[in-house]
Amino acid sequence: EDFAVFALGSSLTVEAALVAKGIKLRSIGYGNALPKFRTRIETRGVGPFGGEMVVSMRPIRQCDVDKVRALTARFPHAHGSPIHVGEPAIIGIEDLMAPDWGDAVEIMDGEVPVF
């Protein structure tokens, strides 16, 4: 009764599977931490624990988004599919170049932010 358990998903869980299927991940090999943002998406609180969901963001080529969704869906207990693709303001992120944690990553032509 005096223990708490936390389930934390990580986008790092799926990196190898994405790369193996030809998804270009610009964040690999640069020594930067993935940008992480606090959203307006409320988590389900339990006791004193709760708050807004924190998400990581990766720029993904628009043509690869469906492949990313399908691949990450195979990891429901470790990561799962993206919770949002596209306009960051919809989930409460005002500035992609000002992450709450980690390093900012620019969205290039042909890419969309995937959270």
PDB file of N, CA and C in Angstrom:
ATOM      1  N   GLU A   1       0.812  -1.212   0.000  1.00  0.00           N
ATOM      2  CA  GLU A   1       0.000   0.000   0.000  1.00  0.00           C
ATOM      3  C   GLU A   1       0.847   1.264   0.000  1.00  0.00           C
ATOM      4  N   ASP A   2       2.168   1.136   0.208  1.00  0.00           N
ATOM      5  CA  ASP A   2       3.010   2.329   0.221  1.00  0.00           C
ATOM      6  C   ASP A   2       3.905   2.431  -1.025  1.00  0.00           C
ATOM      7  N   PHE A   3       3.484   1.790  -2.115  1.00  0.00           N
ATOM      8  CA  PHE A   3       4.222   1.860  -3.369  1.00  0.00           C
ATOM      9  C   PHE A   3       3.363   2.507  -4.445  1.00  0.00           C
ATOM     10  N   ALA A   4       4.001   3.197  -5.369  1.00  0.00           N
ATOM     11  CA  ALA A   4       3.328   3.758  -6.540  1.00  0.00           C
ATOM     12  C   ALA A   4       4.030   3.238  -7.782  1.00  0.00           C
ATOM     13  N   VAL A   5       3.260   2.973  -8.817  1.00  0.00           N
ATOM     14  CA  VAL A   5       3.800   2.482 -10.073  1.00  0.00           C
ATOM     15  C   VAL A   5       3.489   3.507 -11.155  1.00  0.00           C
ATOM     16  N   PHE A   6       4.466   3.778 -11.997  1.00  0.00           N
ATOM     17  CA  PHE A   6       4.281   4.714 -13.099  1.00  0.00           C
ATOM     18  C   PHE A   6       4.587   4.003 -14.406  1.00  0.00           C
ATOM     19  N   ALA A   7       3.725   4.170 -15.382  1.00  0.00           N
ATOM     20  CA  ALA A   7       3.965   3.639 -16.725  1.00  0.00           C
ATOM     21  C   ALA A   7       4.369   4.812 -17.609  1.00  0.00           C
ATOM     22  N   LEU A   8       5.588   4.777 -18.083  1.00  0.00           N
ATOM     23  CA  LEU A   8       6.093   5.854 -18.923  1.00  0.00           C
ATOM     24  C   LEU A   8       6.436   5.301 -20.296  1.00  0.00           C
ATOM     25  N   GLY A   9       5.837   5.850 -21.313  1.00  0.00           N
ATOM     26  CA  GLY A   9       6.188   5.485 -22.668  1.00  0.00           C
ATOM     27  C   GLY A   9       7.363   6.326 -23.120  1.00  0.00           C
ATOM     28  N   SER A  10       8.109   5.826 -24.052  1.00  0.00           N
ATOM     29  CA  SER A  10       9.251   6.581 -24.568  1.00  0.00           C
ATOM     30  C   SER A  10       9.335   6.406 -26.070  1.00  0.00           C
ATOM     31  N   SER A  11       9.555   7.511 -26.759  1.00  0.00           N
ATOM     32  CA  SER A  11       9.701   7.431 -28.211  1.00  0.00           C
ATOM     33  C   SER A  11      10.980   6.687 -28.600  1.00  0.00           C
ATOM     34  N   LEU A  12      11.920   6.565 -27.682  1.00  0.00           N
ATOM     35  CA  LEU A  12      13.157   5.838 -27.971  1.00  0.00           C
ATOM     36  C   LEU A  12      12.884   4.351 -28.177  1.00  0.00           C
ATOM     37  N   THR A  13      11.809   3.848 -27.602  1.00  0.00           N
ATOM     38  CA  THR A  13      11.453   2.437 -27.713  1.00  0.00           C
ATOM     39  C   THR A  13      11.293   2.009 -29.163  1.00  0.00           C
ATOM     40  N   VAL A  14      10.800   2.902 -30.008  1.00  0.00           N
ATOM     41  CA  VAL A  14      10.452   2.528 -31.375  1.00  0.00           C
ATOM     42  C   VAL A  14      11.488   2.945 -32.420  1.00  0.00           C
ATOM     43  N   GLU A  15      12.562   3.604 -32.000  1.00  0.00           N
ATOM     44  CA  GLU A  15      13.544   4.105 -32.967  1.00  0.00           C
ATOM     45  C   GLU A  15      14.082   3.022 -33.893  1.00  0.00           C
ATOM     46  N   ALA A  16      14.517   1.912 -33.346  1.00  0.00           N
ATOM     47  CA  ALA A  16      15.115   0.855 -34.167  1.00  0.00           C
ATOM     48  C   ALA A  16      14.123   0.325 -35.201  1.00  0.00           C
ATOM     49  N   ALA A  17      12.874   0.142 -34.798  1.00  0.00           N
ATOM     50  CA  ALA A  17      11.859  -0.355 -35.740  1.00  0.00           C
ATOM     51  C   ALA A  17      11.598   0.655 -36.853  1.00  0.00           C
ATOM     52  N   LEU A  18      11.570   1.932 -36.516  1.00  0.00           N
ATOM     53  CA  LEU A  18      11.344   2.967 -37.527  1.00  0.00           C
ATOM     54  C   LEU A  18      12.501   3.028 -38.522  1.00  0.00           C
ATOM     55  N   VAL A  19      13.717   3.033 -38.008  1.00  0.00           N
ATOM     56  CA  VAL A  19      14.891   3.100 -38.881  1.00  0.00           C
ATOM     57  C   VAL A  19      14.962   1.864 -39.775  1.00  0.00           C
ATOM     58  N   ALA A  20      14.646   0.694 -39.216  1.00  0.00           N
ATOM     59  CA  ALA A  20      14.682  -0.550 -39.998  1.00  0.00           C
ATOM     60  C   ALA A  20      13.698  -0.520 -41.171  1.00  0.00           C
ATOM     61  N   LYS A  21      12.644   0.253 -41.052  1.00  0.00           N
ATOM     62  CA  LYS A  21      11.643   0.350 -42.129  1.00  0.00           C
ATOM     63  C   LYS A  21      11.858   1.583 -43.007  1.00  0.00           C
ATOM     64  N   GLY A  22      13.015   2.244 -42.862  1.00  0.00           N
ATOM     65  CA  GLY A  22      13.360   3.331 -43.759  1.00  0.00           C
ATOM     66  C   GLY A  22      12.861   4.705 -43.370  1.00  0.00           C
ATOM     67  N   ILE A  23      12.377   4.859 -42.137  1.00  0.00           N
ATOM     68  CA  ILE A  23      11.930   6.178 -41.669  1.00  0.00           C
ATOM     69  C   ILE A  23      13.164   6.991 -41.302  1.00  0.00           C
ATOM     70  N   LYS A  24      13.285   8.178 -41.865  1.00  0.00           N
ATOM     71  CA  LYS A  24      14.425   9.043 -41.558  1.00  0.00           C
ATOM     72  C   LYS A  24      14.165   9.791 -40.258  1.00  0.00           C
ATOM     73  N   LEU A  25      15.049   9.590 -39.290  1.00  0.00           N
ATOM     74  CA  LEU A  25      14.964  10.278 -38.001  1.00  0.00           C
ATOM     75  C   LEU A  25      16.167  11.201 -37.889  1.00  0.00           C
ATOM     76  N   ARG A  26      15.941  12.480 -38.106  1.00  0.00           N
ATOM     77  CA  ARG A  26      17.050  13.438 -38.097  1.00  0.00           C
ATOM     78  C   ARG A  26      17.682  13.599 -36.730  1.00  0.00           C
ATOM     79  N   SER A  27      17.001  13.209 -35.668  1.00  0.00           N
ATOM     80  CA  SER A  27      17.531  13.419 -34.319  1.00  0.00           C
ATOM     81  C   SER A  27      18.645  12.448 -33.958  1.00  0.00           C
ATOM     82  N   ILE A  28      18.738  11.337 -34.656  1.00  0.00           N
ATOM     83  CA  ILE A  28      19.753  10.331 -34.321  1.00  0.00           C
ATOM     84  C   ILE A  28      21.123  10.801 -34.797  1.00  0.00           C
ATOM     85  N   GLY A  29      22.093  10.715 -33.903  1.00  0.00           N
ATOM     86  CA  GLY A  29      23.469  11.016 -34.255  1.00  0.00           C
ATOM     87  C   GLY A  29      23.894  12.460 -34.058  1.00  0.00           C
ATOM     88  N   TYR A  30      23.018  13.324 -33.577  1.00  0.00           N
ATOM     89  CA  TYR A  30      23.380  14.721 -33.386  1.00  0.00           C
ATOM     90  C   TYR A  30      23.708  15.051 -31.933  1.00  0.00           C
ATOM     91  N   GLY A  31      23.453  14.132 -31.017  1.00  0.00           N
ATOM     92  CA  GLY A  31      23.748  14.375 -29.616  1.00  0.00           C
ATOM     93  C   GLY A  31      22.764  15.306 -28.930  1.00  0.00           C
ATOM     94  N   ASN A  32      21.643  15.567 -29.565  1.00  0.00           N
ATOM     95  CA  ASN A  32      20.624  16.433 -28.972  1.00  0.00           C
ATOM     96  C   ASN A  32      19.540  15.595 -28.313  1.00  0.00           C
ATOM     97  N   ALA A  33      18.934  16.164 -27.293  1.00  0.00           N
ATOM     98  CA  ALA A  33      17.803  15.501 -26.631  1.00  0.00           C
ATOM     99  C   ALA A  33      16.531  15.839 -27.397  1.00  0.00           C
ATOM    100  N   LEU A  34      15.666  14.853 -27.586  1.00  0.00           N
ATOM    101  CA  LEU A  34      14.392  15.106 -28.260  1.00  0.00           C
ATOM    102  C   LEU A  34      13.629  16.210 -27.537  1.00  0.00           C
ATOM    103  N   PRO A  35      12.974  17.090 -28.287  1.00  0.00           N
ATOM    104  CA  PRO A  35      12.173  18.113 -27.618  1.00  0.00           C
ATOM    105  C   PRO A  35      10.942  17.493 -26.975  1.00  0.00           C
ATOM    106  N   LYS A  36      10.647  17.944 -25.771  1.00  0.00           N
ATOM    107  CA  LYS A  36       9.471  17.468 -25.036  1.00  0.00           C
ATOM    108  C   LYS A  36       8.652  18.681 -24.611  1.00  0.00           C
ATOM    109  N   PHE A  37       7.342  18.533 -24.713  1.00  0.00           N
ATOM    110  CA  PHE A  37       6.446  19.648 -24.456  1.00  0.00           C
ATOM    111  C   PHE A  37       5.328  19.235 -23.507  1.00  0.00           C
ATOM    112  N   ARG A  38       4.968  20.151 -22.633  1.00  0.00           N
ATOM    113  CA  ARG A  38       3.767  19.975 -21.812  1.00  0.00           C
ATOM    114  C   ARG A  38       2.585  20.389 -22.692  1.00  0.00           C
ATOM    115  N   THR A  39       1.537  19.583 -22.704  1.00  0.00           N
ATOM    116  CA  THR A  39       0.363  19.851 -23.533  1.00  0.00           C
ATOM    117  C   THR A  39      -0.804  20.320 -22.670  1.00  0.00           C
ATOM    118  N   ARG A  40      -1.939  20.585 -23.312  1.00  0.00           N
ATOM    119  CA  ARG A  40      -3.185  20.866 -22.592  1.00  0.00           C
ATOM    120  C   ARG A  40      -4.009  19.588 -22.414  1.00  0.00           C
ATOM    121  N   ILE A  41      -3.463  18.445 -22.768  1.00  0.00           N
ATOM    122  CA  ILE A  41      -4.164  17.168 -22.637  1.00  0.00           C
ATOM    123  C   ILE A  41      -4.029  16.701 -21.193  1.00  0.00           C
ATOM    124  N   GLU A  42      -5.137  16.631 -20.490  1.00  0.00           N
ATOM    125  CA  GLU A  42      -5.117  16.208 -19.082  1.00  0.00           C
ATOM    126  C   GLU A  42      -5.008  14.694 -18.981  1.00  0.00           C
ATOM    127  N   THR A  43      -4.146  14.236 -18.089  1.00  0.00           N
ATOM    128  CA  THR A  43      -4.064  12.816 -17.794  1.00  0.00           C
ATOM    129  C   THR A  43      -5.108  12.477 -16.736  1.00  0.00           C
ATOM    130  N   ARG A  44      -5.369  11.206 -16.566  1.00  0.00           N
ATOM    131  CA  ARG A  44      -6.307  10.777 -15.529  1.00  0.00           C
ATOM    132  C   ARG A  44      -5.546  10.736 -14.214  1.00  0.00           C
ATOM    133  N   GLY A  45      -5.943  11.577 -13.288  1.00  0.00           N
ATOM    134  CA  GLY A  45      -5.270  11.651 -12.004  1.00  0.00           C
ATOM    135  C   GLY A  45      -5.595  10.472 -11.109  1.00  0.00           C
ATOM    136  N   VAL A  46      -4.617  10.097 -10.307  1.00  0.00           N
ATOM    137  CA  VAL A  46      -4.788   9.057  -9.299  1.00  0.00           C
ATOM    138  C   VAL A  46      -4.157   9.591  -8.024  1.00  0.00           C
ATOM    139  N   GLY A  47      -4.985   9.810  -7.006  1.00  0.00           N
ATOM    140  CA  GLY A  47      -4.479  10.381  -5.766  1.00  0.00           C
ATOM    141  C   GLY A  47      -3.837  11.724  -6.047  1.00  0.00           C
ATOM    142  N   PRO A  48      -2.618  11.941  -5.542  1.00  0.00           N
ATOM    143  CA  PRO A  48      -1.955  13.234  -5.747  1.00  0.00           C
ATOM    144  C   PRO A  48      -1.277  13.357  -7.123  1.00  0.00           C
ATOM    145  N   PHE A  49      -1.327  12.295  -7.928  1.00  0.00           N
ATOM    146  CA  PHE A  49      -0.625  12.284  -9.207  1.00  0.00           C
ATOM    147  C   PHE A  49      -1.574  12.612 -10.350  1.00  0.00           C
ATOM    148  N   GLY A  50      -1.138  13.460 -11.257  1.00  0.00           N
ATOM    149  CA  GLY A  50      -1.931  13.832 -12.419  1.00  0.00           C
ATOM    150  C   GLY A  50      -1.331  15.063 -13.055  1.00  0.00           C
ATOM    151  N   GLY A  51      -2.008  15.601 -14.034  1.00  0.00           N
ATOM    152  CA  GLY A  51      -1.526  16.803 -14.699  1.00  0.00           C
ATOM    153  C   GLY A  51      -1.616  16.679 -16.194  1.00  0.00           C
ATOM    154  N   GLU A  52      -0.913  17.570 -16.882  1.00  0.00           N
ATOM    155  CA  GLU A  52      -0.943  17.578 -18.332  1.00  0.00           C
ATOM    156  C   GLU A  52       0.018  16.532 -18.894  1.00  0.00           C
ATOM    157  N   MET A  53      -0.363  15.976 -20.041  1.00  0.00           N
ATOM    158  CA  MET A  53       0.484  15.009 -20.731  1.00  0.00           C
ATOM    159  C   MET A  53       1.714  15.730 -21.286  1.00  0.00           C
ATOM    160  N   VAL A  54       2.846  15.068 -21.188  1.00  0.00           N
ATOM    161  CA  VAL A  54       4.081  15.550 -21.795  1.00  0.00           C
ATOM    162  C   VAL A  54       4.354  14.665 -23.009  1.00  0.00           C
ATOM    163  N   VAL A  55       4.673  15.305 -24.135  1.00  0.00           N
ATOM    164  CA  VAL A  55       4.929  14.563 -25.369  1.00  0.00           C
ATOM    165  C   VAL A  55       6.289  14.936 -25.935  1.00  0.00           C
ATOM    166  N   SER A  56       6.886  13.987 -26.625  1.00  0.00           N
ATOM    167  CA  SER A  56       8.079  14.296 -27.417  1.00  0.00           C
ATOM    168  C   SER A  56       7.608  14.598 -28.834  1.00  0.00           C
ATOM    169  N   MET A  57       8.465  15.245 -29.613  1.00  0.00           N
ATOM    170  CA  MET A  57       8.116  15.573 -30.992  1.00  0.00           C
ATOM    171  C   MET A  57       9.260  15.179 -31.910  1.00  0.00           C
ATOM    172  N   ARG A  58       8.878  14.568 -33.014  1.00  0.00           N
ATOM    173  CA  ARG A  58       9.840  14.256 -34.070  1.00  0.00           C
ATOM    174  C   ARG A  58       9.308  14.816 -35.377  1.00  0.00           C
ATOM    175  N   PRO A  59      10.167  15.458 -36.159  1.00  0.00           N
ATOM    176  CA  PRO A  59       9.750  15.829 -37.501  1.00  0.00           C
ATOM    177  C   PRO A  59       9.775  14.568 -38.371  1.00  0.00           C
ATOM    178  N   ILE A  60       8.677  14.292 -39.023  1.00  0.00           N
ATOM    179  CA  ILE A  60       8.562  13.109 -39.881  1.00  0.00           C
ATOM    180  C   ILE A  60       8.119  13.571 -41.264  1.00  0.00           C
ATOM    181  N   ARG A  61       8.695  12.980 -42.304  1.00  0.00           N
ATOM    182  CA  ARG A  61       8.254  13.314 -43.655  1.00  0.00           C
ATOM    183  C   ARG A  61       6.767  12.972 -43.778  1.00  0.00           C
ATOM    184  N   GLN A  62       6.009  13.873 -44.368  1.00  0.00           N
ATOM    185  CA  GLN A  62       4.562  13.679 -44.526  1.00  0.00           C
ATOM    186  C   GLN A  62       4.258  12.327 -45.176  1.00  0.00           C
ATOM    187  N   CYS A  63       5.077  11.933 -46.144  1.00  0.00           N
ATOM    188  CA  CYS A  63       4.835  10.667 -46.845  1.00  0.00           C
ATOM    189  C   CYS A  63       5.057   9.444 -45.952  1.00  0.00           C
ATOM    190  N   ASP A  64       5.680   9.607 -44.782  1.00  0.00           N
ATOM    191  CA  ASP A  64       5.963   8.487 -43.878  1.00  0.00           C
ATOM    192  C   ASP A  64       5.019   8.415 -42.675  1.00  0.00           C
ATOM    193  N   VAL A  65       4.119   9.366 -42.526  1.00  0.00           N
ATOM    194  CA  VAL A  65       3.282   9.426 -41.321  1.00  0.00           C
ATOM    195  C   VAL A  65       2.441   8.162 -41.150  1.00  0.00           C
ATOM    196  N   ASP A  66       1.808   7.673 -42.201  1.00  0.00           N
ATOM    197  CA  ASP A  66       0.988   6.461 -42.067  1.00  0.00           C
ATOM    198  C   ASP A  66       1.837   5.258 -41.681  1.00  0.00           C
ATOM    199  N   LYS A  67       3.052   5.173 -42.217  1.00  0.00           N
ATOM    200  CA  LYS A  67       3.958   4.077 -41.871  1.00  0.00           C
ATOM    201  C   LYS A  67       4.362   4.182 -40.393  1.00  0.00           C
ATOM    202  N   VAL A  68       4.625   5.399 -39.929  1.00  0.00           N
ATOM    203  CA  VAL A  68       4.979   5.614 -38.516  1.00  0.00           C
ATOM    204  C   VAL A  68       3.820   5.190 -37.616  1.00  0.00           C
ATOM    205  N   ARG A  69       2.612   5.587 -37.979  1.00  0.00           N
ATOM    206  CA  ARG A  69       1.441   5.186 -37.174  1.00  0.00           C
ATOM    207  C   ARG A  69       1.326   3.671 -37.088  1.00  0.00           C
ATOM    208  N   ALA A  70       1.460   2.990 -38.221  1.00  0.00           N
ATOM    209  CA  ALA A  70       1.321   1.529 -38.249  1.00  0.00           C
ATOM    210  C   ALA A  70       2.421   0.848 -37.435  1.00  0.00           C
ATOM    211  N   LEU A  71       3.656   1.310 -37.588  1.00  0.00           N
ATOM    212  CA  LEU A  71       4.769   0.691 -36.862  1.00  0.00           C
ATOM    213  C   LEU A  71       4.679   0.915 -35.358  1.00  0.00           C
ATOM    214  N   THR A  72       4.377   2.133 -34.951  1.00  0.00           N
ATOM    215  CA  THR A  72       4.340   2.418 -33.516  1.00  0.00           C
ATOM    216  C   THR A  72       3.133   1.791 -32.832  1.00  0.00           C
ATOM    217  N   ALA A  73       2.090   1.518 -33.583  1.00  0.00           N
ATOM    218  CA  ALA A  73       0.916   0.849 -33.010  1.00  0.00           C
ATOM    219  C   ALA A  73       1.267  -0.550 -32.502  1.00  0.00           C
ATOM    220  N   ARG A  74       2.353  -1.101 -32.980  1.00  0.00           N
ATOM    221  CA  ARG A  74       2.792  -2.438 -32.539  1.00  0.00           C
ATOM    222  C   ARG A  74       3.412  -2.422 -31.142  1.00  0.00           C
ATOM    223  N   PHE A  75       3.543  -1.240 -30.556  1.00  0.00           N
ATOM    224  CA  PHE A  75       4.165  -1.077 -29.240  1.00  0.00           C
ATOM    225  C   PHE A  75       3.189  -0.411 -28.260  1.00  0.00           C
ATOM    226  N   PRO A  76       2.000  -0.966 -28.067  1.00  0.00           N
ATOM    227  CA  PRO A  76       1.001  -0.283 -27.238  1.00  0.00           C
ATOM    228  C   PRO A  76       1.388  -0.153 -25.763  1.00  0.00           C
ATOM    229  N   HIS A  77       2.229  -1.037 -25.262  1.00  0.00           N
ATOM    230  CA  HIS A  77       2.600  -0.980 -23.843  1.00  0.00           C
ATOM    231  C   HIS A  77       3.882  -0.181 -23.603  1.00  0.00           C
ATOM    232  N   ALA A  78       4.575   0.187 -24.660  1.00  0.00           N
ATOM    233  CA  ALA A  78       5.823   0.926 -24.505  1.00  0.00           C
ATOM    234  C   ALA A  78       5.740   2.332 -25.090  1.00  0.00           C
ATOM    235  N   HIS A  79       4.948   2.503 -26.111  1.00  0.00           N
ATOM    236  CA  HIS A  79       4.872   3.820 -26.753  1.00  0.00           C
ATOM    237  C   HIS A  79       3.510   4.019 -27.388  1.00  0.00           C
ATOM    238  N   GLY A  80       3.185   3.195 -28.353  1.00  0.00           N
ATOM    239  CA  GLY A  80       1.921   3.330 -29.069  1.00  0.00           C
ATOM    240  C   GLY A  80       2.006   4.329 -30.205  1.00  0.00           C
ATOM    241  N   SER A  81       0.893   4.503 -30.878  1.00  0.00           N
ATOM    242  CA  SER A  81       0.814   5.425 -32.012  1.00  0.00           C
ATOM    243  C   SER A  81       0.899   6.867 -31.540  1.00  0.00           C
ATOM    244  N   PRO A  82       1.267   7.764 -32.449  1.00  0.00           N
ATOM    245  CA  PRO A  82       1.302   9.181 -32.071  1.00  0.00           C
ATOM    246  C   PRO A  82      -0.055   9.649 -31.547  1.00  0.00           C
ATOM    247  N   ILE A  83      -0.025  10.577 -30.607  1.00  0.00           N
ATOM    248  CA  ILE A  83      -1.284  11.122 -30.091  1.00  0.00           C
ATOM    249  C   ILE A  83      -1.748  12.308 -30.920  1.00  0.00           C
ATOM    250  N   HIS A  84      -0.826  12.883 -31.715  1.00  0.00           N
ATOM    251  CA  HIS A  84      -1.208  14.017 -32.560  1.00  0.00           C
ATOM    252  C   HIS A  84      -0.177  14.190 -33.667  1.00  0.00           C
ATOM    253  N   VAL A  85      -0.666  14.579 -34.841  1.00  0.00           N
ATOM    254  CA  VAL A  85       0.191  14.890 -35.973  1.00  0.00           C
ATOM    255  C   VAL A  85      -0.253  16.240 -36.520  1.00  0.00           C
ATOM    256  N   GLY A  86       0.690  17.135 -36.727  1.00  0.00           N
ATOM    257  CA  GLY A  86       0.355  18.412 -37.353  1.00  0.00           C
ATOM    258  C   GLY A  86       0.386  19.584 -36.398  1.00  0.00           C
ATOM    259  N   GLU A  87      -0.576  20.472 -36.543  1.00  0.00           N
ATOM    260  CA  GLU A  87      -0.629  21.760 -35.850  1.00  0.00           C
ATOM    261  C   GLU A  87      -0.468  21.608 -34.334  1.00  0.00           C
ATOM    262  N   PRO A  88       0.659  22.067 -33.783  1.00  0.00           N
ATOM    263  CA  PRO A  88       0.928  21.903 -32.353  1.00  0.00           C
ATOM    264  C   PRO A  88      -0.031  22.659 -31.441  1.00  0.00           C
ATOM    265  N   ALA A  89      -0.549  23.793 -31.893  1.00  0.00           N
ATOM    266  CA  ALA A  89      -1.437  24.602 -31.041  1.00  0.00           C
ATOM    267  C   ALA A  89      -2.693  23.838 -30.637  1.00  0.00           C
ATOM    268  N   ILE A  90      -3.096  22.860 -31.433  1.00  0.00           N
ATOM    269  CA  ILE A  90      -4.298  22.084 -31.115  1.00  0.00           C
ATOM    270  C   ILE A  90      -4.148  21.365 -29.778  1.00  0.00           C
ATOM    271  N   ILE A  91      -2.918  20.960 -29.437  1.00  0.00           N
ATOM    272  CA  ILE A  91      -2.699  20.276 -28.154  1.00  0.00           C
ATOM    273  C   ILE A  91      -2.032  21.186 -27.126  1.00  0.00           C
ATOM    274  N   GLY A  92      -1.995  22.486 -27.426  1.00  0.00           N
ATOM    275  CA  GLY A  92      -1.505  23.452 -26.438  1.00  0.00           C
ATOM    276  C   GLY A  92      -0.042  23.819 -26.543  1.00  0.00           C
ATOM    277  N   ILE A  93       0.601  23.476 -27.635  1.00  0.00           N
ATOM    278  CA  ILE A  93       2.011  23.822 -27.823  1.00  0.00           C
ATOM    279  C   ILE A  93       2.062  25.051 -28.723  1.00  0.00           C
ATOM    280  N   GLU A  94       2.540  26.158 -28.170  1.00  0.00           N
ATOM    281  CA  GLU A  94       2.532  27.418 -28.913  1.00  0.00           C
ATOM    282  C   GLU A  94       3.773  27.632 -29.774  1.00  0.00           C
ATOM    283  N   ASP A  95       4.937  27.100 -29.352  1.00  0.00           N
ATOM    284  CA  ASP A  95       6.177  27.387 -30.072  1.00  0.00           C
ATOM    285  C   ASP A  95       7.057  26.144 -30.097  1.00  0.00           C
ATOM    286  N   LEU A  96       7.188  25.515 -31.261  1.00  0.00           N
ATOM    287  CA  LEU A  96       8.020  24.319 -31.381  1.00  0.00           C
ATOM    288  C   LEU A  96       9.501  24.603 -31.136  1.00  0.00           C
ATOM    289  N   MET A  97       9.907  25.841 -31.257  1.00  0.00           N
ATOM    290  CA  MET A  97      11.309  26.176 -31.039  1.00  0.00           C
ATOM    291  C   MET A  97      11.593  26.504 -29.564  1.00  0.00           C
ATOM    292  N   ALA A  98      10.597  26.299 -28.697  1.00  0.00           N
ATOM    293  CA  ALA A  98      10.775  26.548 -27.260  1.00  0.00           C
ATOM    294  C   ALA A  98      10.245  25.360 -26.459  1.00  0.00           C
ATOM    295  N   PRO A  99      10.900  24.185 -26.579  1.00  0.00           N
ATOM    296  CA  PRO A  99      10.426  23.023 -25.821  1.00  0.00           C
ATOM    297  C   PRO A  99      10.586  23.237 -24.319  1.00  0.00           C
ATOM    298  N   ASP A 100       9.745  22.565 -23.546  1.00  0.00           N
ATOM    299  CA  ASP A 100       9.861  22.619 -22.086  1.00  0.00           C
ATOM    300  C   ASP A 100      11.109  21.873 -21.619  1.00  0.00           C
ATOM    301  N   TRP A 101      11.477  20.825 -22.337  1.00  0.00           N
ATOM    302  CA  TRP A 101      12.675  20.036 -22.050  1.00  0.00           C
ATOM    303  C   TRP A 101      13.288  19.605 -23.372  1.00  0.00           C
ATOM    304  N   GLY A 102      14.574  19.373 -23.378  1.00  0.00           N
ATOM    305  CA  GLY A 102      15.247  18.913 -24.593  1.00  0.00           C
ATOM    306  C   GLY A 102      15.627  20.062 -25.519  1.00  0.00           C
ATOM    307  N   ASP A 103      15.983  19.692 -26.729  1.00  0.00           N
ATOM    308  CA  ASP A 103      16.481  20.654 -27.709  1.00  0.00           C
ATOM    309  C   ASP A 103      15.479  20.858 -28.841  1.00  0.00           C
ATOM    310  N   ALA A 104      15.344  22.087 -29.290  1.00  0.00           N
ATOM    311  CA  ALA A 104      14.431  22.408 -30.383  1.00  0.00           C
ATOM    312  C   ALA A 104      14.894  21.743 -31.676  1.00  0.00           C
ATOM    313  N   VAL A 105      13.934  21.352 -32.504  1.00  0.00           N
ATOM    314  CA  VAL A 105      14.202  20.748 -33.809  1.00  0.00           C
ATOM    315  C   VAL A 105      13.338  21.470 -34.836  1.00  0.00           C
ATOM    316  N   GLU A 106      13.961  21.965 -35.878  1.00  0.00           N
ATOM    317  CA  GLU A 106      13.235  22.681 -36.935  1.00  0.00           C
ATOM    318  C   GLU A 106      12.468  21.701 -37.825  1.00  0.00           C
ATOM    319  N   ILE A 107      11.275  22.091 -38.214  1.00  0.00           N
ATOM    320  CA  ILE A 107      10.485  21.313 -39.166  1.00  0.00           C
ATOM    321  C   ILE A 107      10.895  21.762 -40.562  1.00  0.00           C
ATOM    322  N   MET A 108      11.376  20.837 -41.382  1.00  0.00           N
ATOM    323  CA  MET A 108      11.856  21.144 -42.717  1.00  0.00           C
ATOM    324  C   MET A 108      10.707  20.976 -43.736  1.00  0.00           C
ATOM    325  N   ASP A 109      10.931  21.446 -44.958  1.00  0.00           N
ATOM    326  CA  ASP A 109       9.939  21.280 -46.012  1.00  0.00           C
ATOM    327  C   ASP A 109       9.613  19.797 -46.195  1.00  0.00           C
ATOM    328  N   GLY A 110       8.334  19.501 -46.323  1.00  0.00           N
ATOM    329  CA  GLY A 110       7.892  18.120 -46.511  1.00  0.00           C
ATOM    330  C   GLY A 110       7.707  17.346 -45.222  1.00  0.00           C
ATOM    331  N   GLU A 111       8.016  17.959 -44.084  1.00  0.00           N
ATOM    332  CA  GLU A 111       7.878  17.292 -42.788  1.00  0.00           C
ATOM    333  C   GLU A 111       6.692  17.867 -42.002  1.00  0.00           C
ATOM    334  N   VAL A 112       6.209  17.071 -41.068  1.00  0.00           N
ATOM    335  CA  VAL A 112       5.182  17.522 -40.130  1.00  0.00           C
ATOM    336  C   VAL A 112       5.643  17.129 -38.726  1.00  0.00           C
ATOM    337  N   PRO A 113       5.218  17.898 -37.707  1.00  0.00           N
ATOM    338  CA  PRO A 113       5.543  17.490 -36.337  1.00  0.00           C
ATOM    339  C   PRO A 113       4.654  16.318 -35.917  1.00  0.00           C
ATOM    340  N   VAL A 114       5.289  15.317 -35.340  1.00  0.00           N
ATOM    341  CA  VAL A 114       4.570  14.123 -34.873  1.00  0.00           C
ATOM    342  C   VAL A 114       4.849  13.994 -33.380  1.00  0.00           C
ATOM    343  N   PHE A 115       3.784  13.917 -32.603  1.00  0.00           N
ATOM    344  CA  PHE A 115       3.883  13.874 -31.146  1.00  0.00           C
ATOM    345  C   PHE A 115       3.446  12.521 -30.614  1.00  0.00           C
TER     346      PHE A 115
END
